[in-house]
C-alpha atoms as a PDB file:
ATOM      1  CA  GLY A   1     -12.996 -22.093  30.289  1.00  0.00           C
ATOM      2  CA  ASN A   2     -11.171 -19.124  28.603  1.00  0.00           C
ATOM      3  CA  SER A   3      -9.734 -16.621  31.027  1.00  0.00           C
ATOM      4  CA  PHE A   4      -9.890 -13.927  28.208  1.00  0.00           C
ATOM      5  CA  SER A   5     -13.684 -14.066  28.317  1.00  0.00           C
ATOM      6  CA  GLY A   6     -13.778 -14.353  24.235  1.00  0.00           C
ATOM      7  CA  GLN A   7     -11.217 -11.583  23.670  1.00  0.00           C
ATOM      8  CA  ASP A   8      -8.754 -12.045  21.226  1.00  0.00           C
ATOM      9  CA  ILE A   9      -5.220 -12.483  22.674  1.00  0.00           C
ATOM     10  CA  PHE A  10      -3.703 -10.614  19.769  1.00  0.00           C
ATOM     11  CA  VAL A  11      -5.641  -7.716  18.196  1.00  0.00           C
ATOM     12  CA  THR A  12      -4.176  -6.564  14.713  1.00  0.00           C
ATOM     13  CA  THR A  13      -5.208  -3.380  13.192  1.00  0.00           C
ATOM     14  CA  THR A  14      -4.204  -1.971  10.040  1.00  0.00           C
ATOM     15  CA  THR A  15      -2.474   0.781  11.940  1.00  0.00           C
ATOM     16  CA  GLY A  16      -0.723  -1.811  14.389  1.00  0.00           C
ATOM     17  CA  VAL A  17       0.496  -3.930  11.213  1.00  0.00           C
ATOM     18  CA  LYS A  18       1.837  -0.636   9.492  1.00  0.00           C
ATOM     19  CA  LEU A  19       3.677   0.446  12.839  1.00  0.00           C
ATOM     20  CA  PHE A  20       5.089  -2.905  13.212  1.00  0.00           C
ATOM     21  CA  LEU A  21       6.337  -2.916   9.485  1.00  0.00           C
ATOM     22  CA  TYR A  22       7.777   0.586   9.791  1.00  0.00           C
ATOM     23  CA  LEU A  23       9.530  -0.610  12.893  1.00  0.00           C
ATOM     24  CA  ILE A  24      11.157  -3.589  10.892  1.00  0.00           C
ATOM     25  CA  ASN A  25      11.836  -0.939   8.021  1.00  0.00           C
ATOM     26  CA  SER A  26      13.665   1.256  10.331  1.00  0.00           C
ATOM     27  CA  PHE A  27      15.900  -1.528  11.623  1.00  0.00           C
ATOM     28  CA  VAL A  28      16.762  -2.548   8.015  1.00  0.00           C
ATOM     29  CA  GLN A  29      17.356   0.966   6.987  1.00  0.00           C
ATOM     30  CA  GLU A  30      19.785   1.425  10.077  1.00  0.00           C
ATOM     31  CA  PHE A  31      21.358  -1.905   9.565  1.00  0.00           C
ATOM     32  CA  ILE A  32      22.432  -1.017   6.002  1.00  0.00           C
ATOM     33  CA  CYS A  33      23.233   2.809   6.652  1.00  0.00           C
ATOM     34  CA  ARG A  34      24.888   2.715  10.007  1.00  0.00           C
ATOM     35  CA  GLY A  35      25.784  -0.896  10.607  1.00  0.00           C
ATOM     36  CA  PHE A  36      27.231  -1.341   7.143  1.00  0.00           C
ATOM     37  CA  VAL A  37      27.747   1.847   5.154  1.00  0.00           C
ATOM     38  CA  GLN A  38      28.992   4.310   7.968  1.00  0.00           C
ATOM     39  CA  ASN A  39      30.939   1.583   9.717  1.00  0.00           C
ATOM     40  CA  ASN A  40      32.798   0.484   6.480  1.00  0.00           C
ATOM     41  CA  ALA A  41      33.378   4.212   5.545  1.00  0.00           C
ATOM     42  CA  GLU A  42      34.792   5.047   8.763  1.00  0.00           C
ATOM     43  CA  ARG A  43      37.241   2.172   8.560  1.00  0.00           C
ATOM     44  CA  MET A  44      38.374   2.961   4.963  1.00  0.00           C
ATOM     45  CA  LEU A  45      38.856   6.911   5.632  1.00  0.00           C
ATOM     46  CA  THR A  46      41.675   8.272   7.272  1.00  0.00           C
ATOM     47  CA  GLY A  47      42.389  11.645   9.260  1.00  0.00           C
ATOM     48  CA  LYS A  48      41.075  13.565  12.180  1.00  0.00           C
ATOM     49  CA  TYR A  49      37.464  13.914  10.717  1.00  0.00           C
ATOM     50  CA  LYS A  50      37.108  10.409   9.200  1.00  0.00           C
ATOM     51  CA  SER A  51      34.092   9.670  11.629  1.00  0.00           C
ATOM     52  CA  PHE A  52      32.270  12.850  10.731  1.00  0.00           C
ATOM     53  CA  ILE A  53      32.771  12.459   7.109  1.00  0.00           C
ATOM     54  CA  ALA A  54      31.501   8.907   7.299  1.00  0.00           C
ATOM     55  CA  VAL A  55      28.548  10.445   9.063  1.00  0.00           C
ATOM     56  CA  LEU A  56      27.841  13.020   6.548  1.00  0.00           C
ATOM     57  CA  THR A  57      28.282  10.596   3.564  1.00  0.00           C
ATOM     58  CA  THR A  58      26.004   8.096   4.801  1.00  0.00           C
ATOM     59  CA  SER A  59      23.517  10.716   5.820  1.00  0.00           C
ATOM     60  CA  MET A  60      23.456  12.109   2.189  1.00  0.00           C
ATOM     61  CA  LEU A  61      22.981   8.693   0.911  1.00  0.00           C
ATOM     62  CA  PHE A  62      20.082   8.070   3.417  1.00  0.00           C
ATOM     63  CA  GLY A  63      18.465  11.296   2.112  1.00  0.00           C
ATOM     64  CA  VAL A  64      18.828  10.449  -1.757  1.00  0.00           C
ATOM     65  CA  VAL A  65      17.526   6.964  -0.946  1.00  0.00           C
ATOM     66  CA  HIS A  66      14.219   8.746   0.199  1.00  0.00           C
ATOM     67  CA  MET A  67      13.970  10.956  -2.687  1.00  0.00           C
ATOM     68  CA  HIS A  68      11.001   8.958  -4.069  1.00  0.00           C
ATOM     69  CA  LEU A  69       8.812  10.305  -1.093  1.00  0.00           C
ATOM     70  CA  SER A  70       9.402  14.185  -2.072  1.00  0.00           C
ATOM     71  CA  GLY A  71      12.276  16.773  -2.383  1.00  0.00           C
ATOM     72  CA  THR A  72      11.726  18.042   1.073  1.00  0.00           C
ATOM     73  CA  THR A  73      11.972  14.590   2.432  1.00  0.00           C
ATOM     74  CA  ILE A  74      15.496  14.258   0.907  1.00  0.00           C
ATOM     75  CA  PHE A  75      16.703  17.413   3.239  1.00  0.00           C
ATOM     76  CA  VAL A  76      14.733  16.150   6.282  1.00  0.00           C
ATOM     77  CA  THR A  77      16.190  12.636   6.136  1.00  0.00           C
ATOM     78  CA  ILE A  78      19.651  14.044   5.582  1.00  0.00           C
ATOM     79  CA  PHE A  79      19.571  15.944   8.822  1.00  0.00           C
ATOM     80  CA  ALA A  80      17.569  13.003  10.602  1.00  0.00           C
ATOM     81  CA  GLY A  81      20.438  10.910   9.171  1.00  0.00           C
ATOM     82  CA  ILE A  82      23.152  13.067  10.802  1.00  0.00           C
ATOM     83  CA  PHE A  83      21.227  12.795  14.136  1.00  0.00           C
ATOM     84  CA  PHE A  84      21.109   9.032  13.697  1.00  0.00           C
ATOM     85  CA  GLY A  85      24.702   8.668  12.583  1.00  0.00           C
ATOM     86  CA  LEU A  86      25.983  10.763  15.563  1.00  0.00           C
ATOM     87  CA  LEU A  87      23.848   8.616  17.864  1.00  0.00           C
ATOM     88  CA  TYR A  88      25.340   5.534  16.404  1.00  0.00           C
ATOM     89  CA  LEU A  89      28.767   6.941  16.403  1.00  0.00           C
ATOM     90  CA  ARG A  90      28.687   7.551  20.250  1.00  0.00           C
ATOM     91  CA  HIS A  91      26.779   4.352  21.289  1.00  0.00           C
ATOM     92  CA  LYS A  92      27.814   1.875  18.557  1.00  0.00           C
ATOM     93  CA  THR A  93      24.555  -0.031  18.836  1.00  0.00           C
ATOM     94  CA  LEU A  94      21.673  -0.164  16.277  1.00  0.00           C
ATOM     95  CA  ALA A  95      18.984  -0.461  19.146  1.00  0.00           C
ATOM     96  CA  GLY A  96      18.937   3.251  19.786  1.00  0.00           C
ATOM     97  CA  VAL A  97      19.204   4.334  16.224  1.00  0.00           C
ATOM     98  CA  THR A  98      16.355   1.972  15.335  1.00  0.00           C
ATOM     99  CA  VAL A  99      14.142   3.367  17.972  1.00  0.00           C
ATOM    100  CA  SER A 100      14.853   6.832  17.248  1.00  0.00           C
ATOM    101  CA  HIS A 101      14.452   6.291  13.544  1.00  0.00           C
ATOM    102  CA  PHE A 102      10.992   4.714  14.097  1.00  0.00           C
ATOM    103  CA  ILE A 103       9.702   7.468  16.638  1.00  0.00           C
ATOM    104  CA  LEU A 104      11.276  10.520  14.695  1.00  0.00           C
ATOM    105  CA  GLY A 105      10.070   8.980  11.231  1.00  0.00           C
ATOM    106  CA  GLU A 106       6.741   8.323  12.455  1.00  0.00           C
ATOM    107  CA  LEU A 107       6.353  11.837  14.156  1.00  0.00           C
ATOM    108  CA  LEU A 108       7.676  13.687  10.879  1.00  0.00           C
ATOM    109  CA  PHE A 109       5.243  11.591   8.857  1.00  0.00           C
ATOM    110  CA  GLU A 110       2.247  12.508  10.902  1.00  0.00           C
ATOM    111  CA  LEU A 111       3.081  16.234  11.054  1.00  0.00           C
ATOM    112  CA  GLY A 112       3.623  16.017   7.151  1.00  0.00           C
ATOM    113  CA  PHE A 113       7.423  16.914   6.919  1.00  0.00           C
ATOM    114  CA  ILE A 114       7.913  13.490   5.043  1.00  0.00           C
ATOM    115  CA  GLY A 115       5.932  11.339   2.843  1.00  0.00           C
END
């Protein structure tokens, strides 16, 4: 007999699939922006403020990449990018920024600030 009493083990809903894909998308964006662009910008720059300049530059690029959504989204994502960049600068791991990106992005989308 089946101990699940006929229940599906994995229930997929449209919302569940969209959230899963957005989580993957969040990781890919953070891998590119923080893991690649911000890291390399920080290595190439010199001076006292190189880390902060790398965060700002990457965040502006992050905002421009989202311009297809709306003009407002550009500015919202620049500020979110600064938050993600500083978080990455402090912890040097993609796990925290990916989860933060996923939660904040979903929240801002649901509240109508982006998208």
